[in-house]
Amino acid sequence: MSDRRLGVSRRPWAASFVLGLSVFFGALGVVPPGAGARADDAPAGTATILNGVLPSVVNITVRKDESAATKTGAATAGAQPGPVIKAFVGSGFIIDPSGLIVTNYHVVQNAFLITVTLFDGTVLSGTTLGASRYADIALVKVTPSHPLVAARWGDSDKMQVGDQVFAAGNPFGLGVSVSAGIVSALNRDIQNSPYDDYIQTDAAINHGNSGGPLIDMRGHVIGVDSAIISPDPGSVGVGFALPSNNARFVVDRLRTYGWIHPSWLGLKVQAVTPELANAFGLKSDHGSVVSWIFPGSPAEKAGLMIGDIIQRLDKGEPSDDRALLRDIAQLPVGSHIRFRVDHAGQEQTLDMVTQEWPRNRWDENDAPLKVVQPKLSIPRNLGLTLGPITADERKTMGHQADMPGVVIKDILPNSDPIQQGLVAGDMILRVQDKPVGTPEEAAAAINAVRAEKRDYVAMLVLPKVRTVPGPRWYSLALTPDGN
C-alpha cells in the first residue's frame, strides 16, 4: 500500500518509509513468505488472554479499481482501457455482536467489494458505514447469522512504555496471527495528520495487519495497528497503532453522526520550538503558537490573534500542539472553554464557545469514501482467450499428462475473471461438472450454462501461483445474451 498523505507534509526521511499495512495481492495471489521459525511456548496465561479476544479478529479482503483513470480522473497515455482490478488484504476487529467491525480507512479506501472472513472461517460481504481519512479509521458492517464475539476496548491513556502488548491481524494474507512486544513509545508524530498520537511498538506488524487490534495483558484493545517505518516492506520492530481512546471517539462519532462532527474554533497552531521561542523572546518553548485565524471564527470573535502563544486550555496544559487540537476537536459542540495566552509578552485569558466544524471545510481534507463501481464487460467468452496445455506448461504447473484442461492465454483487462483474480497461465480443469480438454469444449460448456439462464458459471481452476496445493472453484458472471 502506498504512503497515506492526509493533507500534511511528511518528514523527508520518513516519506518513503512510513507505510500503510494493507497488502496488495494483485492478480497473482499471495507471494509465499519465507519459512517461519519455531516459536517458544507462550508464557502462562497468555493463551487464555488471547483466546478471549482472537475470535473478534477478522481478515478483510477488498478489490479496488487501480486504473489511471480512477486515480487521476483522466486516462494516462499508454494505459490499458477499462478498470484495472487488484486485490488487497487487511485486518479488523468486531466491536458489536451484530457485525460492526473497525478497520483502517486505507484498507477500504476506493474498495468496491469488501469480503470479511471471520475467525471460524465464515465468509461474509461487508459494507462501509463510515470512515475518516484523518483518523485512518473505518467502520465495516457484516450481517452474520448469529451474534459475533466482540472485542472490549481498553484505556490507552493507562499504557506506559514497557507494557507488554500483542498485535493481531492478517499479515501477508496468511490468516489471523499474533506477535508479542512492548510499548516502545507514546504520542508519536509520524505526520499522518495534524492530530497524530500513535503508540509505537516493537511487536511485529507487517503488511496485512492494517486495522488489526493492539491488545494489552487484559485482552483489551488499546490500539488499532496502522503503520510501520521500515527501509523495506517487512517489519523492523517500529510499528504504530492509533490509541484506543482516540479510535473509540472516532467510532462513536461515526456511528452517531456519520462523520467525526468535531468542535471548531477556527485557528491553526504549531509547536513552539526552541528556535521560535528565541525569536519571540519567550522564556521557554512551552505552548502552541497561533499561525492563522479564520475570519468570523470563534477564535477571532474572542480576540485571539496570530502570534499569540496558547499556554493553557481550561485548567489543563496540552502536551503539544497536536494534543491541543485533539482536545478542541473532541469537545461537544457548544462547549465554553477558556484559553490562557501570551500576547506580546502579556498574559491574557480568553473565553470561547466551540462551533461545529464547517462540514464542507472538514470534507476538503477528510472527505467521505467515494467508491465508483467499475463497469465490467462480460463478453460471450467471458473475456478469456483459451488454448491447449503444452507439455512445458504441464511440467511447470505439475499437471498430470492424462488430466484434461485448458490454459488461459489472455484476459481482457475489464472483464469479470480479472475481478475474480484469474490471470494468464491459470488452467481451467472443469466447467461446472464437466472436464474440459480443449478450448472448444470449454466454450460449449459455458454456453450450456448460459442456455439454462443462470447468472454464474462455475470453473475449477488450477492457479498459476498457489498459496495452498491444488485447484479451487471460481464463479464467473454471465450475461443472458452473452454480449
Protein backbone atom coordinates (compact mmCIF):
# COMPACT_ATOMS: atom_id res chain seq x y z
CA MET A 1 0.00 0.00 0.00
CA SER A 2 1.36 3.40 -0.83
CA ASP A 3 2.03 6.14 1.73
CA ARG A 4 -1.07 7.83 3.01
CA ARG A 5 -0.75 11.60 2.67
CA LEU A 6 -3.57 13.35 4.50
CA GLY A 7 -3.11 16.98 3.65
CA VAL A 8 0.09 17.42 5.67
CA SER A 9 3.73 17.11 4.71
CA ARG A 10 5.94 14.32 5.98
CA ARG A 11 9.49 14.50 7.21
CA PRO A 12 11.78 13.93 4.22
CA TRP A 13 13.45 10.94 5.87
CA ALA A 14 10.12 9.31 6.59
CA ALA A 15 8.36 9.96 3.30
CA SER A 16 9.46 6.74 1.65
CA PHE A 17 9.32 4.55 4.73
CA VAL A 18 6.04 5.20 6.51
CA LEU A 19 3.80 2.53 5.04
CA GLY A 20 0.17 1.63 5.33
CA LEU A 21 -0.23 -2.04 6.09
CA SER A 22 -2.69 -3.33 3.51
CA VAL A 23 -1.15 -5.98 1.27
CA PHE A 24 -1.61 -5.94 -2.50
CA PHE A 25 -2.12 -9.43 -3.84
CA GLY A 26 -2.85 -8.31 -7.37
CA ALA A 27 -3.98 -10.86 -9.88
CA LEU A 28 -1.34 -13.43 -8.91
CA GLY A 29 -2.43 -14.14 -5.35
CA VAL A 30 -0.24 -14.21 -2.25
CA VAL A 31 3.50 -14.20 -2.59
CA PRO A 32 4.61 -17.08 -0.35
CA PRO A 33 6.70 -15.82 2.60
CA GLY A 34 9.90 -17.43 3.76
CA ALA A 35 9.93 -20.39 6.08
CA GLY A 36 8.84 -19.47 9.61
CA ALA A 37 10.89 -20.18 12.71
CA ARG A 38 9.62 -22.29 15.59
CA ALA A 39 8.45 -20.13 18.48
CA ASP A 40 8.89 -20.86 22.16
CA ASP A 41 5.86 -21.71 24.23
CA ALA A 42 3.84 -18.67 25.30
CA PRO A 43 4.08 -17.54 28.92
CA ALA A 44 1.49 -18.97 31.27
CA GLY A 45 -1.76 -17.08 30.96
CA THR A 46 -1.04 -15.56 27.56
CA ALA A 47 -3.00 -18.21 25.67
CA THR A 48 -6.01 -17.63 27.90
CA ILE A 49 -5.81 -13.88 27.32
CA LEU A 50 -5.59 -14.23 23.55
CA ASN A 51 -8.24 -16.93 23.28
CA GLY A 52 -10.72 -14.45 24.64
CA VAL A 53 -10.04 -11.78 22.03
CA LEU A 54 -8.88 -13.59 18.87
CA PRO A 55 -12.41 -14.67 17.84
CA SER A 56 -13.16 -10.96 17.36
CA VAL A 57 -10.30 -10.50 14.85
CA VAL A 58 -11.23 -10.71 11.17
CA ASN A 59 -9.50 -10.81 7.80
CA ILE A 60 -10.65 -8.25 5.25
CA THR A 61 -10.16 -8.70 1.51
CA VAL A 62 -11.06 -5.87 -0.83
CA ARG A 63 -10.99 -5.26 -4.55
CA LYS A 64 -10.14 -1.86 -5.93
CA ASP A 65 -10.00 -0.29 -9.36
CA GLU A 66 -6.37 0.84 -9.59
CA SER A 67 -6.62 2.19 -13.15
CA ALA A 68 -5.01 5.51 -14.02
CA ALA A 69 -8.46 6.94 -14.76
CA THR A 70 -9.59 6.23 -11.21
CA LYS A 71 -6.52 7.85 -9.68
CA THR A 72 -6.15 10.92 -11.86
CA GLY A 73 -9.55 11.41 -13.42
CA ALA A 74 -8.06 11.03 -16.90
CA ALA A 75 -6.51 8.10 -18.66
CA THR A 76 -2.75 8.07 -18.84
CA ALA A 77 -1.15 7.68 -22.24
CA GLY A 78 -0.48 4.03 -22.93
CA ALA A 79 -2.71 2.80 -20.09
CA GLN A 80 -4.99 -0.14 -20.75
CA PRO A 81 -8.64 0.81 -21.26
CA GLY A 82 -11.15 -0.07 -18.59
CA PRO A 83 -10.66 -0.96 -14.93
CA VAL A 84 -7.50 -2.49 -13.53
CA ILE A 85 -8.81 -4.62 -10.69
CA LYS A 86 -6.46 -5.53 -7.86
CA ALA A 87 -6.98 -7.33 -4.58
CA PHE A 88 -5.73 -6.16 -1.18
CA VAL A 89 -5.96 -7.64 2.30
CA GLY A 90 -6.13 -6.08 5.72
CA SER A 91 -7.48 -6.79 9.17
CA GLY A 92 -10.16 -5.61 11.54
CA PHE A 93 -11.91 -6.46 14.79
CA ILE A 94 -15.54 -6.78 15.80
CA ILE A 95 -16.87 -4.19 18.27
CA ASP A 96 -20.55 -5.16 18.23
CA PRO A 97 -22.07 -8.68 18.14
CA SER A 98 -24.41 -7.52 15.35
CA GLY A 99 -21.44 -7.40 12.99
CA LEU A 100 -19.83 -3.96 13.31
CA ILE A 101 -16.09 -4.02 12.53
CA VAL A 102 -13.33 -1.45 12.98
CA THR A 103 -10.52 -1.26 10.42
CA ASN A 104 -8.29 1.36 8.80
CA TYR A 105 -9.54 3.89 6.27
CA HIS A 106 -6.76 2.95 3.88
CA VAL A 107 -7.88 -0.69 3.91
CA VAL A 108 -11.31 0.07 2.41
CA GLN A 109 -10.47 3.30 0.57
CA ASN A 110 -11.75 3.04 -3.04
CA ALA A 111 -12.87 -0.56 -2.47
CA PHE A 112 -15.95 -1.58 -4.45
CA LEU A 113 -16.01 -5.09 -2.98
CA ILE A 114 -15.35 -5.97 0.69
CA THR A 115 -15.17 -9.55 1.93
CA VAL A 116 -14.79 -10.35 5.63
CA THR A 117 -13.54 -13.71 6.88
CA LEU A 118 -14.40 -14.43 10.50
CA PHE A 119 -12.15 -16.30 12.89
CA ASP A 120 -14.13 -19.53 12.32
CA GLY A 121 -13.70 -19.26 8.54
CA THR A 122 -17.16 -17.88 7.77
CA VAL A 123 -17.03 -15.51 4.77
CA LEU A 124 -19.40 -12.51 4.71
CA SER A 125 -19.91 -9.49 2.47
CA GLY A 126 -19.13 -6.15 4.06
CA THR A 127 -20.27 -2.57 3.51
CA THR A 128 -18.64 0.63 4.75
CA LEU A 129 -20.81 2.60 7.18
CA GLY A 130 -18.44 5.48 7.81
CA ALA A 131 -14.80 6.46 7.60
CA SER A 132 -12.31 9.16 8.49
CA ARG A 133 -9.18 9.69 6.47
CA TYR A 134 -7.68 11.93 9.16
CA ALA A 135 -8.01 9.26 11.82
CA ASP A 136 -7.44 6.37 9.37
CA ILE A 137 -10.48 4.63 10.84
CA ALA A 138 -13.41 2.99 9.04
CA LEU A 139 -16.50 1.06 10.12
CA VAL A 140 -17.48 -2.03 8.15
CA LYS A 141 -20.80 -3.82 8.64
CA VAL A 142 -21.50 -7.50 8.02
CA THR A 143 -24.74 -9.41 8.57
CA PRO A 144 -23.99 -12.66 10.42
CA SER A 145 -26.46 -15.47 11.10
CA HIS A 146 -25.69 -15.35 14.83
CA PRO A 147 -24.20 -12.87 17.34
CA LEU A 148 -20.44 -12.49 17.00
CA VAL A 149 -17.73 -12.21 19.64
CA ALA A 150 -16.92 -8.53 20.17
CA ALA A 151 -13.61 -7.18 21.42
CA ARG A 152 -13.51 -4.99 24.50
CA TRP A 153 -11.99 -1.52 24.38
CA GLY A 154 -9.14 -0.78 26.77
CA ASP A 155 -7.91 2.54 28.15
CA SER A 156 -4.92 3.61 26.07
CA ASP A 157 -4.21 6.51 28.46
CA LYS A 158 -3.10 3.97 31.06
CA MET A 159 -0.44 2.43 28.82
CA GLN A 160 3.19 3.04 29.71
CA VAL A 161 6.43 2.47 27.89
CA GLY A 162 7.50 -1.11 28.55
CA ASP A 163 3.99 -2.55 28.91
CA GLN A 164 3.50 -5.93 27.20
CA VAL A 165 1.25 -5.86 24.11
CA PHE A 166 0.16 -8.19 21.33
CA ALA A 167 -0.52 -7.30 17.69
CA ALA A 168 -3.17 -9.44 16.00
CA GLY A 169 -4.12 -9.41 12.35
CA ASN A 170 -3.72 -10.92 8.90
CA PRO A 171 -0.05 -10.45 7.91
CA PHE A 172 0.53 -11.08 4.20
CA GLY A 173 -2.92 -12.67 3.99
CA LEU A 174 -1.83 -15.75 5.95
CA GLY A 175 -4.74 -15.56 8.38
CA VAL A 176 -5.13 -14.37 11.95
CA SER A 177 -1.71 -14.27 13.61
CA VAL A 178 -0.34 -12.81 16.83
CA SER A 179 3.00 -11.23 17.67
CA ALA A 180 4.25 -10.04 21.05
CA GLY A 181 6.23 -6.99 22.10
CA ILE A 182 6.15 -3.94 24.30
CA VAL A 183 5.04 -0.34 24.08
CA SER A 184 8.17 1.35 22.74
CA ALA A 185 6.95 4.96 22.89
CA LEU A 186 3.80 7.05 23.22
CA ASN A 187 2.38 10.11 21.44
CA ARG A 188 4.44 9.54 18.31
CA ASP A 189 4.05 12.00 15.46
CA ILE A 190 4.52 10.23 12.11
CA GLN A 191 2.99 13.24 10.31
CA ASN A 192 -0.01 11.27 9.18
CA SER A 193 -2.34 14.08 10.27
CA PRO A 194 -2.28 17.21 12.47
CA TYR A 195 -3.63 15.06 15.32
CA ASP A 196 -1.05 12.25 15.42
CA ASP A 197 -0.84 10.46 18.76
CA TYR A 198 0.43 6.99 17.89
CA ILE A 199 1.52 4.18 20.18
CA GLN A 200 4.86 2.80 18.98
CA THR A 201 5.50 -0.90 19.50
CA ASP A 202 8.14 -3.46 18.61
CA ALA A 203 5.52 -6.22 18.28
CA ALA A 204 5.90 -7.47 14.72
CA ILE A 205 3.44 -5.59 12.47
CA ASN A 206 3.52 -6.36 8.78
CA HIS A 207 1.58 -5.61 5.63
CA GLY A 208 -1.90 -7.05 6.01
CA ASN A 209 -2.05 -6.12 9.71
CA SER A 210 -3.79 -2.83 8.89
CA GLY A 211 -6.83 -2.38 11.09
CA GLY A 212 -5.97 -5.22 13.47
CA PRO A 213 -6.04 -4.71 17.23
CA LEU A 214 -3.15 -3.99 19.57
CA ILE A 215 -4.02 -5.91 22.72
CA ASP A 216 -2.96 -5.42 26.34
CA MET A 217 -2.39 -8.08 29.01
CA ARG A 218 -6.07 -7.98 29.98
CA GLY A 219 -7.16 -8.92 26.49
CA HIS A 220 -8.48 -5.42 25.76
CA VAL A 221 -7.91 -3.44 22.57
CA ILE A 222 -5.67 -0.47 23.33
CA GLY A 223 -4.77 0.42 19.73
CA VAL A 224 -5.51 -0.06 16.04
CA ASP A 225 -2.44 -1.20 14.07
CA SER A 226 -1.98 1.33 11.29
CA ALA A 227 1.55 1.93 10.01
CA ILE A 228 5.20 0.92 10.12
CA ILE A 229 8.50 2.62 9.43
CA SER A 230 10.87 0.32 7.59
CA PRO A 231 13.58 0.51 4.92
CA ASP A 232 11.89 -2.44 3.21
CA PRO A 233 8.40 -4.00 3.12
CA GLY A 234 8.97 -6.11 6.23
CA SER A 235 8.74 -5.23 9.90
CA VAL A 236 11.86 -4.00 11.67
CA GLY A 237 10.15 -3.53 15.02
CA VAL A 238 8.93 0.04 14.51
CA GLY A 239 5.15 -0.17 14.27
CA PHE A 240 2.40 2.30 15.12
CA ALA A 241 -1.13 1.93 16.43
CA LEU A 242 -3.82 4.56 16.85
CA PRO A 243 -4.64 4.70 20.59
CA SER A 244 -7.94 3.08 21.51
CA ASN A 245 -9.29 6.19 23.21
CA ASN A 246 -8.82 8.19 20.01
CA ALA A 247 -10.20 5.38 17.87
CA ARG A 248 -13.21 4.93 20.14
CA PHE A 249 -14.02 8.65 19.92
CA VAL A 250 -13.93 8.45 16.13
CA VAL A 251 -16.00 5.26 16.05
CA ASP A 252 -18.65 6.72 18.36
CA ARG A 253 -18.91 9.88 16.26
CA LEU A 254 -19.14 7.89 13.01
CA ARG A 255 -21.91 5.74 14.48
CA THR A 256 -23.81 8.78 15.75
CA TYR A 257 -23.29 11.38 13.03
CA GLY A 258 -21.77 9.58 10.06
CA TRP A 259 -18.68 11.81 10.37
CA ILE A 260 -16.42 12.93 13.21
CA HIS A 261 -18.54 16.05 13.90
CA PRO A 262 -15.65 17.87 15.63
CA SER A 263 -15.76 21.15 17.52
CA TRP A 264 -14.19 24.12 15.78
CA LEU A 265 -12.63 27.40 16.87
CA GLY A 266 -11.13 28.44 13.56
CA LEU A 267 -7.45 28.56 14.44
CA LYS A 268 -4.26 26.90 13.26
CA VAL A 269 -1.40 26.31 15.65
CA GLN A 270 2.05 24.81 15.67
CA ALA A 271 4.57 23.83 18.31
CA VAL A 272 6.79 26.47 19.86
CA THR A 273 10.28 25.22 19.05
CA PRO A 274 13.38 26.43 20.91
CA GLU A 275 14.22 28.48 17.81
CA LEU A 276 10.77 30.12 17.73
CA ALA A 277 10.97 30.76 21.46
CA ASN A 278 14.27 32.53 20.91
CA ALA A 279 12.88 34.55 18.01
CA PHE A 280 9.81 35.62 20.02
CA GLY A 281 11.85 36.34 23.13
CA LEU A 282 10.00 33.71 25.19
CA LYS A 283 11.35 32.30 28.42
CA SER A 284 10.51 28.70 27.42
CA ASP A 285 9.38 26.69 24.41
CA HIS A 286 6.19 25.57 26.13
CA GLY A 287 2.88 26.14 24.34
CA SER A 288 1.47 26.43 20.84
CA VAL A 289 1.81 29.47 18.62
CA VAL A 290 -1.19 30.63 16.57
CA SER A 291 -0.30 30.66 12.87
CA TRP A 292 -3.71 31.55 11.41
CA ILE A 293 -7.17 32.74 12.43
CA PHE A 294 -10.17 32.12 10.17
CA PRO A 295 -12.35 35.20 9.60
CA GLY A 296 -15.60 35.11 11.52
CA SER A 297 -14.49 32.18 13.66
CA PRO A 298 -14.99 31.86 17.43
CA ALA A 299 -11.25 32.43 17.87
CA GLU A 300 -11.40 35.76 16.01
CA LYS A 301 -14.52 36.88 17.90
CA ALA A 302 -12.79 36.09 21.22
CA GLY A 303 -9.83 38.28 20.32
CA LEU A 304 -7.20 35.61 19.66
CA MET A 305 -4.51 36.87 17.30
CA ILE A 306 -1.85 35.41 15.03
CA GLY A 307 1.38 35.08 17.05
CA ASP A 308 -0.36 34.52 20.39
CA ILE A 309 1.08 31.67 22.43
CA ILE A 310 -1.57 29.34 23.85
CA GLN A 311 -0.33 28.03 27.19
CA ARG A 312 -3.39 26.51 28.86
CA LEU A 313 -6.78 25.15 27.81
CA ASP A 314 -9.24 25.44 30.67
CA LYS A 315 -7.32 24.01 33.64
CA GLY A 316 -5.04 21.73 31.64
CA GLU A 317 -1.81 22.18 29.76
CA PRO A 318 -1.84 20.23 26.46
CA SER A 319 1.41 18.37 26.00
CA ASP A 320 1.90 19.76 22.49
CA ASP A 321 0.10 21.39 19.57
CA ARG A 322 -1.37 18.08 18.41
CA ALA A 323 -2.84 17.42 21.86
CA LEU A 324 -4.34 20.93 21.84
CA LEU A 325 -6.06 20.29 18.50
CA ARG A 326 -7.34 16.90 19.69
CA ASP A 327 -8.71 18.42 22.89
CA ILE A 328 -10.61 21.07 20.94
CA ALA A 329 -11.95 18.68 18.30
CA GLN A 330 -13.23 16.20 20.89
CA LEU A 331 -15.22 18.76 22.88
CA PRO A 332 -19.01 18.72 22.47
CA VAL A 333 -20.17 21.41 20.06
CA GLY A 334 -21.24 24.48 22.06
CA SER A 335 -18.68 23.96 24.83
CA HIS A 336 -17.50 27.01 26.79
CA ILE A 337 -13.71 26.94 27.09
CA ARG A 338 -11.07 29.29 28.42
CA PHE A 339 -7.61 29.90 26.95
CA ARG A 340 -4.64 31.40 28.73
CA VAL A 341 -2.40 33.03 26.16
CA ASP A 342 0.76 35.07 25.97
CA HIS A 343 0.01 38.10 23.81
CA ALA A 344 3.11 40.15 23.06
CA GLY A 345 4.55 39.25 26.45
CA GLN A 346 1.31 39.93 28.34
CA GLU A 347 -0.78 37.14 29.83
CA GLN A 348 -4.45 37.15 28.77
CA THR A 349 -7.47 34.95 29.38
CA LEU A 350 -9.90 34.46 26.51
CA ASP A 351 -13.31 32.76 26.62
CA MET A 352 -14.70 30.98 23.55
CA VAL A 353 -17.65 28.79 22.58
CA THR A 354 -16.94 25.97 20.15
CA GLN A 355 -18.92 25.64 16.95
CA GLU A 356 -19.48 22.65 14.69
CA TRP A 357 -16.60 22.37 12.26
CA PRO A 358 -17.92 23.62 8.88
CA ARG A 359 -18.73 20.35 7.12
CA ASN A 360 -17.59 21.48 3.67
CA ARG A 361 -14.24 22.64 5.07
CA TRP A 362 -13.76 19.40 7.00
CA ASP A 363 -14.60 17.27 3.98
CA GLU A 364 -11.94 19.03 1.91
CA ASN A 365 -9.35 17.09 3.92
CA ASP A 366 -11.39 14.29 5.48
CA ALA A 367 -13.70 13.54 2.58
CA PRO A 368 -16.05 10.58 2.98
CA LEU A 369 -15.34 7.48 0.94
CA LYS A 370 -16.49 7.71 -2.64
CA VAL A 371 -16.44 4.37 -4.40
CA VAL A 372 -17.20 4.01 -8.07
CA GLN A 373 -18.23 0.55 -9.16
CA PRO A 374 -16.12 -0.28 -12.22
CA LYS A 375 -18.05 -1.04 -15.38
CA LEU A 376 -17.02 -4.60 -16.13
CA SER A 377 -17.79 -6.02 -19.53
CA ILE A 378 -18.88 -9.65 -19.77
CA PRO A 379 -18.27 -10.75 -23.37
CA ARG A 380 -19.56 -14.06 -24.63
CA ASN A 381 -16.22 -15.78 -23.98
CA LEU A 382 -16.04 -14.09 -20.53
CA GLY A 383 -13.01 -12.15 -21.75
CA LEU A 384 -10.89 -15.31 -21.78
CA THR A 385 -8.57 -16.45 -24.54
CA LEU A 386 -8.03 -20.18 -24.06
CA GLY A 387 -5.51 -22.60 -25.53
CA PRO A 388 -4.38 -26.20 -25.17
CA ILE A 389 -1.93 -27.03 -22.42
CA THR A 390 1.60 -27.57 -23.69
CA ALA A 391 3.96 -30.17 -22.30
CA ASP A 392 6.15 -27.45 -20.79
CA GLU A 393 3.12 -25.87 -19.09
CA ARG A 394 2.09 -29.23 -17.66
CA LYS A 395 5.58 -29.73 -16.26
CA THR A 396 5.76 -26.21 -14.82
CA MET A 397 2.32 -26.45 -13.22
CA GLY A 398 2.76 -30.05 -12.07
CA HIS A 399 -0.33 -31.11 -14.02
CA GLN A 400 -0.54 -34.80 -14.92
CA ALA A 401 -0.29 -35.64 -18.61
CA ASP A 402 -3.51 -37.64 -18.63
CA MET A 403 -5.58 -34.95 -16.90
CA PRO A 404 -7.73 -32.69 -19.13
CA GLY A 405 -7.64 -28.94 -19.01
CA VAL A 406 -7.10 -25.73 -20.95
CA VAL A 407 -4.80 -22.83 -20.19
CA ILE A 408 -5.80 -19.17 -20.02
CA LYS A 409 -3.62 -17.37 -22.57
CA ASP A 410 -5.02 -13.86 -22.09
CA ILE A 411 -7.78 -11.99 -20.20
CA LEU A 412 -9.47 -8.71 -21.08
CA PRO A 413 -8.45 -6.07 -18.53
CA ASN A 414 -12.05 -5.03 -17.81
CA SER A 415 -13.61 -8.50 -17.56
CA ASP A 416 -15.09 -10.37 -14.62
CA PRO A 417 -12.29 -13.00 -14.49
CA ILE A 418 -9.82 -10.19 -13.79
CA GLN A 419 -12.04 -9.00 -10.96
CA GLN A 420 -12.14 -12.51 -9.54
CA GLY A 421 -8.34 -12.77 -9.59
CA LEU A 422 -7.68 -15.07 -12.55
CA VAL A 423 -4.50 -14.50 -14.55
CA ALA A 424 -2.92 -15.69 -17.76
CA GLY A 425 -1.33 -19.07 -17.10
CA ASP A 426 -4.11 -20.38 -14.88
CA MET A 427 -5.53 -23.74 -16.02
CA ILE A 428 -9.27 -24.45 -16.27
CA LEU A 429 -9.88 -28.12 -15.43
CA ARG A 430 -13.68 -28.21 -15.30
CA VAL A 431 -16.65 -26.08 -16.30
CA GLN A 432 -19.45 -26.96 -13.90
CA ASP A 433 -19.12 -30.76 -13.55
CA LYS A 434 -17.63 -31.33 -16.99
CA PRO A 435 -13.89 -31.87 -17.53
CA VAL A 436 -12.69 -29.75 -20.48
CA GLY A 437 -9.71 -30.70 -22.63
CA THR A 438 -9.97 -28.18 -25.48
CA PRO A 439 -10.99 -24.53 -25.83
CA GLU A 440 -13.99 -25.66 -27.85
CA GLU A 441 -15.18 -27.94 -25.04
CA ALA A 442 -14.82 -25.11 -22.53
CA ALA A 443 -16.81 -22.70 -24.73
CA ALA A 444 -19.56 -25.27 -25.26
CA ALA A 445 -19.83 -25.93 -21.53
CA ILE A 446 -20.07 -22.19 -20.81
CA ASN A 447 -22.78 -21.76 -23.43
CA ALA A 448 -24.71 -24.69 -21.98
CA VAL A 449 -24.83 -22.95 -18.61
CA ARG A 450 -25.87 -19.70 -20.27
CA ALA A 451 -28.70 -21.53 -22.03
CA GLU A 452 -30.02 -22.55 -18.61
CA LYS A 453 -30.45 -18.81 -17.83
CA ARG A 454 -28.00 -18.93 -14.91
CA ASP A 455 -26.19 -15.84 -13.71
CA TYR A 456 -22.89 -17.58 -12.99
CA VAL A 457 -20.79 -20.42 -14.29
CA ALA A 458 -18.52 -22.46 -12.00
CA MET A 459 -14.96 -23.27 -13.08
CA LEU A 460 -12.39 -25.45 -11.37
CA VAL A 461 -9.07 -23.66 -11.84
CA LEU A 462 -5.50 -24.65 -11.07
CA PRO A 463 -3.90 -21.28 -10.28
CA LYS A 464 -0.54 -20.36 -11.73
CA VAL A 465 0.52 -19.08 -8.30
CA ARG A 466 -0.77 -21.15 -5.39
CA THR A 467 -0.66 -20.50 -1.66
CA VAL A 468 -2.11 -23.95 -0.97
CA PRO A 469 -1.84 -27.10 -3.12
CA GLY A 470 -4.44 -27.99 -5.71
CA PRO A 471 -7.17 -26.23 -7.69
CA ARG A 472 -10.04 -24.03 -6.49
CA TRP A 473 -13.52 -23.15 -7.74
CA TYR A 474 -14.39 -19.76 -9.22
CA SER A 475 -17.85 -18.40 -10.07
CA LEU A 476 -17.82 -16.09 -13.12
CA ALA A 477 -20.67 -13.82 -14.13
CA LEU A 478 -22.71 -14.47 -17.28
CA THR A 479 -24.99 -12.19 -19.25
CA PRO A 480 -28.25 -13.58 -20.61
CA ASP A 481 -27.31 -12.82 -24.22
CA GLY A 482 -23.58 -13.24 -23.81
CA ASN A 483 -22.74 -9.79 -25.20
